N, C-alpha and C. Protein backbone atom coordinates (compact mmCIF):
# COMPACT_ATOMS: atom_id res chain seq x y z
N MET A 1 48.74 115.14 98.00
CA MET A 1 49.69 115.32 99.08
C MET A 1 50.27 116.72 98.99
N ARG A 2 50.29 117.45 100.07
CA ARG A 2 50.89 118.77 100.11
C ARG A 2 52.35 118.60 100.49
N LYS A 3 53.23 118.88 99.57
CA LYS A 3 54.66 118.77 99.84
C LYS A 3 55.13 120.08 100.45
N LYS A 4 55.79 119.99 101.59
CA LYS A 4 56.23 121.19 102.29
C LYS A 4 57.32 121.91 101.52
N GLY A 5 57.33 123.22 101.65
CA GLY A 5 58.39 124.00 101.06
C GLY A 5 58.04 124.60 99.72
N TYR A 6 56.79 124.47 99.26
CA TYR A 6 56.38 125.04 97.98
C TYR A 6 55.23 126.03 98.18
N ALA A 7 55.20 127.02 97.32
CA ALA A 7 54.08 127.97 97.32
C ALA A 7 52.81 127.23 96.89
N THR A 8 51.67 127.75 97.28
CA THR A 8 50.40 127.12 96.93
C THR A 8 49.66 127.89 95.85
N HIS A 9 50.26 128.96 95.36
CA HIS A 9 49.59 129.81 94.38
C HIS A 9 50.63 130.42 93.44
N THR A 10 50.26 130.59 92.18
CA THR A 10 51.15 131.26 91.23
C THR A 10 50.32 131.84 90.10
N THR A 11 50.93 132.64 89.28
CA THR A 11 50.30 133.13 88.07
C THR A 11 51.18 132.79 86.88
N ILE A 12 50.55 132.57 85.73
CA ILE A 12 51.32 132.34 84.51
C ILE A 12 50.67 133.11 83.36
N ASP A 13 51.49 133.48 82.40
CA ASP A 13 51.00 134.11 81.18
C ASP A 13 50.72 133.01 80.17
N ALA A 14 49.57 133.10 79.51
CA ALA A 14 49.19 132.11 78.52
C ALA A 14 48.51 132.80 77.34
N VAL A 15 48.30 132.04 76.29
CA VAL A 15 47.57 132.54 75.13
C VAL A 15 46.35 131.66 74.94
N TRP A 16 45.17 132.28 74.99
CA TRP A 16 43.92 131.57 74.81
C TRP A 16 43.23 132.11 73.56
N LYS A 17 43.13 131.27 72.54
CA LYS A 17 42.49 131.63 71.28
C LYS A 17 43.02 132.94 70.73
N GLY A 18 44.35 133.07 70.75
CA GLY A 18 45.01 134.24 70.19
C GLY A 18 45.09 135.45 71.10
N GLU A 19 44.52 135.37 72.28
CA GLU A 19 44.53 136.49 73.23
C GLU A 19 45.47 136.19 74.39
N ASP A 20 46.26 137.19 74.77
CA ASP A 20 47.12 137.05 75.95
C ASP A 20 46.28 137.13 77.20
N VAL A 21 46.46 136.16 78.09
CA VAL A 21 45.75 136.14 79.37
C VAL A 21 46.73 135.82 80.49
N VAL A 22 46.35 136.19 81.69
CA VAL A 22 47.11 135.83 82.89
C VAL A 22 46.21 134.90 83.69
N LEU A 23 46.75 133.75 84.09
CA LEU A 23 45.97 132.77 84.84
C LEU A 23 46.45 132.72 86.29
N ASP A 24 45.51 132.84 87.22
CA ASP A 24 45.78 132.57 88.64
C ASP A 24 45.64 131.07 88.82
N ILE A 25 46.65 130.44 89.39
CA ILE A 25 46.65 128.98 89.55
C ILE A 25 46.84 128.63 91.02
N ASP A 26 45.99 127.74 91.52
CA ASP A 26 46.19 127.16 92.84
C ASP A 26 46.89 125.81 92.66
N ILE A 27 48.00 125.63 93.38
CA ILE A 27 48.72 124.37 93.37
C ILE A 27 48.11 123.49 94.45
N LEU A 28 47.47 122.40 94.06
CA LEU A 28 46.76 121.55 95.01
C LEU A 28 47.61 120.40 95.54
N SER A 29 48.52 119.90 94.69
CA SER A 29 49.30 118.73 95.10
C SER A 29 50.63 118.69 94.36
N ILE A 30 51.70 118.45 95.11
CA ILE A 30 53.02 118.26 94.53
C ILE A 30 53.52 116.89 94.96
N GLY A 31 53.91 116.09 93.99
CA GLY A 31 54.37 114.74 94.28
C GLY A 31 55.77 114.51 93.76
N GLU A 32 56.13 113.25 93.66
CA GLU A 32 57.47 112.87 93.22
C GLU A 32 57.36 111.78 92.14
N THR A 33 58.34 111.73 91.26
CA THR A 33 58.35 110.72 90.21
C THR A 33 59.03 109.42 90.64
N GLY A 34 59.65 109.42 91.80
CA GLY A 34 60.39 108.23 92.27
C GLY A 34 59.48 107.08 92.63
N ILE A 35 60.10 105.91 92.79
CA ILE A 35 59.33 104.70 93.12
C ILE A 35 59.13 104.52 94.62
N GLY A 36 59.74 105.39 95.42
CA GLY A 36 59.59 105.28 96.86
C GLY A 36 60.56 104.29 97.46
N PRO A 37 60.15 103.59 98.53
CA PRO A 37 61.07 102.64 99.17
C PRO A 37 61.30 101.42 98.29
N TYR A 38 62.51 100.94 98.31
CA TYR A 38 62.84 99.74 97.54
C TYR A 38 63.92 98.94 98.25
N GLU A 39 64.03 97.69 97.84
CA GLU A 39 65.10 96.82 98.33
C GLU A 39 65.70 96.12 97.13
N PHE A 40 67.01 96.14 97.03
CA PHE A 40 67.71 95.51 95.92
C PHE A 40 68.88 94.73 96.47
N TRP A 41 68.80 93.43 96.35
CA TRP A 41 69.84 92.52 96.85
C TRP A 41 70.18 92.82 98.32
N GLY A 42 69.16 93.04 99.11
CA GLY A 42 69.35 93.25 100.53
C GLY A 42 69.62 94.68 100.93
N ALA A 43 69.96 95.52 99.97
CA ALA A 43 70.19 96.94 100.27
C ALA A 43 68.87 97.69 100.16
N LYS A 44 68.54 98.45 101.19
CA LYS A 44 67.29 99.21 101.19
C LYS A 44 67.58 100.67 100.87
N GLY A 45 66.66 101.27 100.18
CA GLY A 45 66.82 102.68 99.84
C GLY A 45 65.47 103.32 99.57
N TYR A 46 65.50 104.59 99.23
CA TYR A 46 64.28 105.33 98.92
C TYR A 46 64.56 106.22 97.72
N ASP A 47 63.80 106.04 96.65
CA ASP A 47 63.96 106.83 95.44
C ASP A 47 62.93 107.96 95.45
N HIS A 48 63.41 109.19 95.70
CA HIS A 48 62.52 110.36 95.72
C HIS A 48 62.14 110.78 94.30
N GLY A 49 63.01 110.57 93.36
CA GLY A 49 62.75 111.04 92.00
C GLY A 49 62.79 112.55 91.95
N ASN A 50 61.99 113.12 91.09
CA ASN A 50 61.89 114.58 90.96
C ASN A 50 60.53 115.05 91.40
N ASP A 51 60.46 116.27 91.91
CA ASP A 51 59.18 116.84 92.28
C ASP A 51 58.40 117.22 91.03
N VAL A 52 57.10 117.00 91.06
CA VAL A 52 56.20 117.38 89.97
C VAL A 52 54.90 117.91 90.56
N ILE A 53 54.25 118.79 89.83
CA ILE A 53 52.93 119.27 90.25
C ILE A 53 51.91 118.23 89.80
N ASP A 54 51.25 117.60 90.75
CA ASP A 54 50.25 116.57 90.44
C ASP A 54 48.90 117.18 90.09
N GLU A 55 48.46 118.11 90.91
CA GLU A 55 47.14 118.70 90.72
C GLU A 55 47.20 120.21 90.85
N TRP A 56 46.46 120.87 89.97
CA TRP A 56 46.38 122.32 90.00
C TRP A 56 45.04 122.74 89.43
N ALA A 57 44.64 123.97 89.70
CA ALA A 57 43.36 124.46 89.20
C ALA A 57 43.48 125.94 88.85
N ILE A 58 42.86 126.31 87.74
CA ILE A 58 42.77 127.73 87.38
C ILE A 58 41.68 128.34 88.25
N THR A 59 42.02 129.40 88.97
CA THR A 59 41.03 130.03 89.84
C THR A 59 40.52 131.35 89.29
N GLN A 60 41.30 131.99 88.42
CA GLN A 60 40.86 133.25 87.85
C GLN A 60 41.60 133.52 86.55
N VAL A 61 40.89 134.14 85.61
CA VAL A 61 41.48 134.56 84.34
C VAL A 61 41.47 136.07 84.31
N MET A 62 42.62 136.65 83.93
CA MET A 62 42.74 138.10 83.84
C MET A 62 43.23 138.48 82.45
N ASP A 63 42.95 139.72 82.06
CA ASP A 63 43.50 140.18 80.79
C ASP A 63 44.99 140.45 80.97
N GLU A 64 45.68 140.80 79.87
CA GLU A 64 47.13 140.96 79.94
C GLU A 64 47.56 142.10 80.87
N ALA A 65 46.65 143.01 81.19
CA ALA A 65 46.96 144.09 82.12
C ALA A 65 46.75 143.66 83.58
N GLY A 66 46.24 142.44 83.78
CA GLY A 66 46.02 141.94 85.14
C GLY A 66 44.65 142.25 85.70
N ASN A 67 43.73 142.71 84.85
CA ASN A 67 42.36 143.01 85.29
C ASN A 67 41.52 141.74 85.25
N PRO A 68 40.92 141.35 86.38
CA PRO A 68 40.11 140.13 86.41
C PRO A 68 38.84 140.28 85.59
N LEU A 69 38.40 139.16 85.00
CA LEU A 69 37.14 139.15 84.27
C LEU A 69 35.99 139.14 85.27
N PRO A 70 34.80 139.57 84.85
CA PRO A 70 33.63 139.46 85.74
C PRO A 70 33.42 138.00 86.15
N LYS A 71 32.85 137.81 87.34
CA LYS A 71 32.74 136.48 87.94
C LYS A 71 32.08 135.45 87.02
N ASP A 72 30.94 135.77 86.42
CA ASP A 72 30.24 134.81 85.56
C ASP A 72 31.05 134.47 84.32
N ALA A 73 31.64 135.49 83.70
CA ALA A 73 32.47 135.28 82.51
C ALA A 73 33.70 134.45 82.87
N ASN A 74 34.26 134.71 84.04
CA ASN A 74 35.44 133.99 84.50
C ASN A 74 35.14 132.50 84.65
N LYS A 75 34.03 132.17 85.32
CA LYS A 75 33.66 130.77 85.53
C LYS A 75 33.43 130.06 84.21
N ALA A 76 32.74 130.72 83.28
CA ALA A 76 32.44 130.11 81.99
C ALA A 76 33.73 129.88 81.19
N LEU A 77 34.63 130.86 81.23
CA LEU A 77 35.87 130.73 80.48
C LEU A 77 36.76 129.63 81.06
N ILE A 78 36.82 129.53 82.38
CA ILE A 78 37.61 128.46 83.00
C ILE A 78 37.07 127.09 82.58
N LYS A 79 35.74 126.94 82.57
CA LYS A 79 35.16 125.66 82.14
C LYS A 79 35.51 125.36 80.70
N GLU A 80 35.47 126.36 79.84
CA GLU A 80 35.83 126.18 78.44
C GLU A 80 37.30 125.79 78.29
N MET A 81 38.17 126.45 79.07
CA MET A 81 39.59 126.14 79.03
C MET A 81 39.85 124.70 79.48
N GLU A 82 39.16 124.27 80.53
CA GLU A 82 39.35 122.93 81.07
C GLU A 82 38.96 121.83 80.09
N LEU A 83 38.10 122.15 79.14
CA LEU A 83 37.68 121.18 78.13
C LEU A 83 38.67 121.08 76.97
N ASP A 84 39.59 122.01 76.89
CA ASP A 84 40.57 122.04 75.81
C ASP A 84 41.85 121.34 76.28
N ASP A 85 41.98 120.05 75.95
CA ASP A 85 43.11 119.25 76.42
C ASP A 85 44.45 119.83 75.99
N LYS A 86 44.53 120.30 74.77
CA LYS A 86 45.79 120.86 74.27
C LYS A 86 46.21 122.09 75.09
N PHE A 87 45.25 122.95 75.39
CA PHE A 87 45.54 124.14 76.19
C PHE A 87 45.96 123.75 77.60
N MET A 88 45.22 122.82 78.22
CA MET A 88 45.53 122.40 79.58
C MET A 88 46.90 121.73 79.66
N ASP A 89 47.25 120.95 78.63
CA ASP A 89 48.58 120.33 78.59
C ASP A 89 49.67 121.38 78.50
N SER A 90 49.42 122.45 77.73
CA SER A 90 50.43 123.51 77.61
C SER A 90 50.58 124.26 78.93
N VAL A 91 49.47 124.48 79.64
CA VAL A 91 49.54 125.13 80.95
C VAL A 91 50.29 124.24 81.93
N ASP A 92 50.00 122.94 81.91
CA ASP A 92 50.69 122.00 82.79
C ASP A 92 52.19 122.02 82.52
N GLU A 93 52.58 122.05 81.25
CA GLU A 93 54.00 122.09 80.92
C GLU A 93 54.66 123.37 81.44
N MET A 94 53.95 124.50 81.30
CA MET A 94 54.50 125.76 81.83
C MET A 94 54.65 125.70 83.34
N LEU A 95 53.68 125.09 84.02
CA LEU A 95 53.75 124.97 85.48
C LEU A 95 54.91 124.08 85.91
N GLN A 96 55.10 122.94 85.22
CA GLN A 96 56.20 122.05 85.57
C GLN A 96 57.54 122.77 85.39
N ASP A 97 57.65 123.59 84.32
CA ASP A 97 58.88 124.35 84.10
C ASP A 97 59.11 125.39 85.18
N LYS A 98 58.01 125.87 85.79
CA LYS A 98 58.09 126.93 86.80
C LYS A 98 58.24 126.37 88.22
N LEU A 99 58.22 125.07 88.37
CA LEU A 99 58.21 124.45 89.71
C LEU A 99 59.38 124.92 90.58
N ALA A 100 60.57 125.02 90.02
CA ALA A 100 61.73 125.44 90.81
C ALA A 100 61.54 126.85 91.39
N ASP A 101 60.79 127.69 90.69
CA ASP A 101 60.54 129.06 91.17
C ASP A 101 59.51 129.09 92.29
N LEU A 102 58.81 127.99 92.51
CA LEU A 102 57.76 127.95 93.52
C LEU A 102 58.26 127.53 94.90
N VAL A 103 59.55 127.25 95.02
CA VAL A 103 60.10 126.87 96.31
C VAL A 103 59.98 128.04 97.27
N ASP A 104 59.44 127.78 98.42
CA ASP A 104 59.27 128.82 99.44
C ASP A 104 60.57 128.94 100.23
N ASP A 105 61.31 130.02 100.02
CA ASP A 105 62.62 130.21 100.66
C ASP A 105 62.52 130.37 102.17
N ARG A 106 61.33 130.68 102.67
CA ARG A 106 61.16 130.86 104.12
C ARG A 106 61.05 129.53 104.85
N TYR A 107 60.95 128.43 104.11
CA TYR A 107 60.75 127.13 104.72
C TYR A 107 62.10 126.43 104.88
N ASP A 108 62.40 125.96 106.09
CA ASP A 108 63.61 125.19 106.35
C ASP A 108 63.24 123.72 106.35
N GLU A 109 63.75 122.98 105.35
CA GLU A 109 63.44 121.56 105.25
C GLU A 109 64.09 120.81 106.41
N LYS A 110 63.32 119.90 106.97
CA LYS A 110 63.81 119.10 108.08
C LYS A 110 63.97 117.66 107.61
N GLU A 111 64.78 116.91 108.30
CA GLU A 111 65.07 115.53 107.93
C GLU A 111 63.80 114.69 107.77
N ASP A 112 62.81 114.88 108.66
CA ASP A 112 61.62 114.05 108.59
C ASP A 112 60.65 114.49 107.49
N ASP A 113 60.94 115.59 106.80
CA ASP A 113 60.11 116.03 105.67
C ASP A 113 60.47 115.29 104.39
N LEU A 114 61.61 114.64 104.35
CA LEU A 114 62.06 113.99 103.13
C LEU A 114 61.36 112.68 102.89
């Protein structure tokens, strides 16, 4: 689900096997931790919870100076990174911490977007 009001792209600094890298990340889906609509003793409500990044993908790896790797090396390195659960979990944690910075200030939230 594409949640309105958030950027769809970001970069983060990470460390891969002792080397500083910059990752280009596409934000594919932002969801909520809430349970959604509920009814409790006749009272109806909606629990939005907190926003979280559900899905994301590394689209490019760059060196610490911001220079992109060659296309073939980039694809191979992304595949290697995706197989490293510990690394991917650390990237996910950094992205979740950065979520508040991804709010698109140009977007005016409307009542029906909630």
